[in-house]
C-alpha atoms as a PDB file:
ATOM      1  CA  UNK A   1       0.000   0.000   0.000  1.00  0.00           C
ATOM      2  CA  UNK A   2       1.342   3.433  -0.955  1.00  0.00           C
ATOM      3  CA  UNK A   3       1.983   6.091   1.674  1.00  0.00           C
ATOM      4  CA  UNK A   4      -0.814   8.278   0.245  1.00  0.00           C
ATOM      5  CA  UNK A   5      -3.250   5.398   0.661  1.00  0.00           C
ATOM      6  CA  UNK A   6      -2.193   4.992   4.301  1.00  0.00           C
ATOM      7  CA  UNK A   7      -2.652   8.728   4.803  1.00  0.00           C
ATOM      8  CA  UNK A   8      -6.147   8.706   3.288  1.00  0.00           C
ATOM      9  CA  UNK A   9      -7.114   5.622   5.286  1.00  0.00           C
ATOM     10  CA  UNK A  10      -5.844   7.121   8.550  1.00  0.00           C
ATOM     11  CA  UNK A  11      -7.709  10.380   7.923  1.00  0.00           C
ATOM     12  CA  UNK A  12     -10.881   8.426   7.190  1.00  0.00           C
ATOM     13  CA  UNK A  13     -10.537   6.458  10.434  1.00  0.00           C
ATOM     14  CA  UNK A  14      -9.871   9.650  12.388  1.00  0.00           C
ATOM     15  CA  UNK A  15     -13.004  11.246  10.951  1.00  0.00           C
ATOM     16  CA  UNK A  16     -15.018   8.194  11.998  1.00  0.00           C
ATOM     17  CA  UNK A  17     -13.515   8.343  15.478  1.00  0.00           C
ATOM     18  CA  UNK A  18     -14.430  11.997  15.895  1.00  0.00           C
ATOM     19  CA  UNK A  19     -17.932  11.266  14.634  1.00  0.00           C
ATOM     20  CA  UNK A  20     -18.375   8.476  17.183  1.00  0.00           C
ATOM     21  CA  UNK A  21     -17.189  10.796  19.959  1.00  0.00           C
ATOM     22  CA  UNK A  22     -19.601  13.524  18.860  1.00  0.00           C
ATOM     23  CA  UNK A  23     -22.513  11.077  18.848  1.00  0.00           C
ATOM     24  CA  UNK A  24     -21.468   9.729  22.253  1.00  0.00           C
ATOM     25  CA  UNK A  25     -21.579  13.221  23.736  1.00  0.00           C
ATOM     26  CA  UNK A  26     -24.839  14.405  22.163  1.00  0.00           C
ATOM     27  CA  UNK A  27     -27.359  15.117  24.885  1.00  0.00           C
ATOM     28  CA  UNK A  28     -30.180  13.562  22.853  1.00  0.00           C
ATOM     29  CA  UNK A  29     -28.214  10.304  22.795  1.00  0.00           C
ATOM     30  CA  UNK A  30     -27.031  10.541  26.366  1.00  0.00           C
ATOM     31  CA  UNK A  31     -27.734   6.934  27.282  1.00  0.00           C
ATOM     32  CA  UNK A  32     -25.153   4.568  28.691  1.00  0.00           C
ATOM     33  CA  UNK A  33     -25.699   2.033  25.903  1.00  0.00           C
ATOM     34  CA  UNK A  34     -25.220   4.446  23.006  1.00  0.00           C
ATOM     35  CA  UNK A  35     -22.276   6.205  24.653  1.00  0.00           C
ATOM     36  CA  UNK A  36     -20.573   2.900  25.456  1.00  0.00           C
ATOM     37  CA  UNK A  37     -21.097   1.652  21.910  1.00  0.00           C
ATOM     38  CA  UNK A  38     -19.644   4.812  20.405  1.00  0.00           C
ATOM     39  CA  UNK A  39     -16.691   4.857  22.768  1.00  0.00           C
ATOM     40  CA  UNK A  40     -15.986   1.189  22.034  1.00  0.00           C
ATOM     41  CA  UNK A  41     -15.866   2.023  18.322  1.00  0.00           C
ATOM     42  CA  UNK A  42     -13.582   4.950  19.100  1.00  0.00           C
ATOM     43  CA  UNK A  43     -11.180   2.719  21.034  1.00  0.00           C
ATOM     44  CA  UNK A  44     -11.164   0.157  18.213  1.00  0.00           C
ATOM     45  CA  UNK A  45     -10.339   2.864  15.681  1.00  0.00           C
ATOM     46  CA  UNK A  46      -7.681   4.276  17.999  1.00  0.00           C
ATOM     47  CA  UNK A  47      -5.989   0.857  18.147  1.00  0.00           C
ATOM     48  CA  UNK A  48      -6.148   0.546  14.361  1.00  0.00           C
ATOM     49  CA  UNK A  49      -4.561   3.993  14.003  1.00  0.00           C
ATOM     50  CA  UNK A  50      -1.659   2.952  16.221  1.00  0.00           C
ATOM     51  CA  UNK A  51      -1.195  -0.240  14.212  1.00  0.00           C
ATOM     52  CA  UNK A  52      -1.302   1.573  10.868  1.00  0.00           C
ATOM     53  CA  UNK A  53       1.090   4.266  12.050  1.00  0.00           C
ATOM     54  CA  UNK A  54       3.608   1.722  13.323  1.00  0.00           C
ATOM     55  CA  UNK A  55       3.286  -0.367  10.156  1.00  0.00           C
ATOM     56  CA  UNK A  56       3.662   2.678   7.913  1.00  0.00           C
ATOM     57  CA  UNK A  57       6.762   3.866   9.784  1.00  0.00           C
ATOM     58  CA  UNK A  58       8.235   0.372   9.472  1.00  0.00           C
ATOM     59  CA  UNK A  59       7.575   0.412   5.705  1.00  0.00           C
ATOM     60  CA  UNK A  60       9.119   3.865   5.307  1.00  0.00           C
END
């Protein structure tokens, strides 16, 4: 995978992570279940970002 593709993929994942955080903090969705679900997705994406970053650095 080219560096530009990694960059685009990472930006896409970051946008998803921010979206999940926004949804988790919306007052109209302020239930434990929804917040937990969104935060779980955020943590998954965060782990993927770390993996991609480390892999990309190793490839560079």
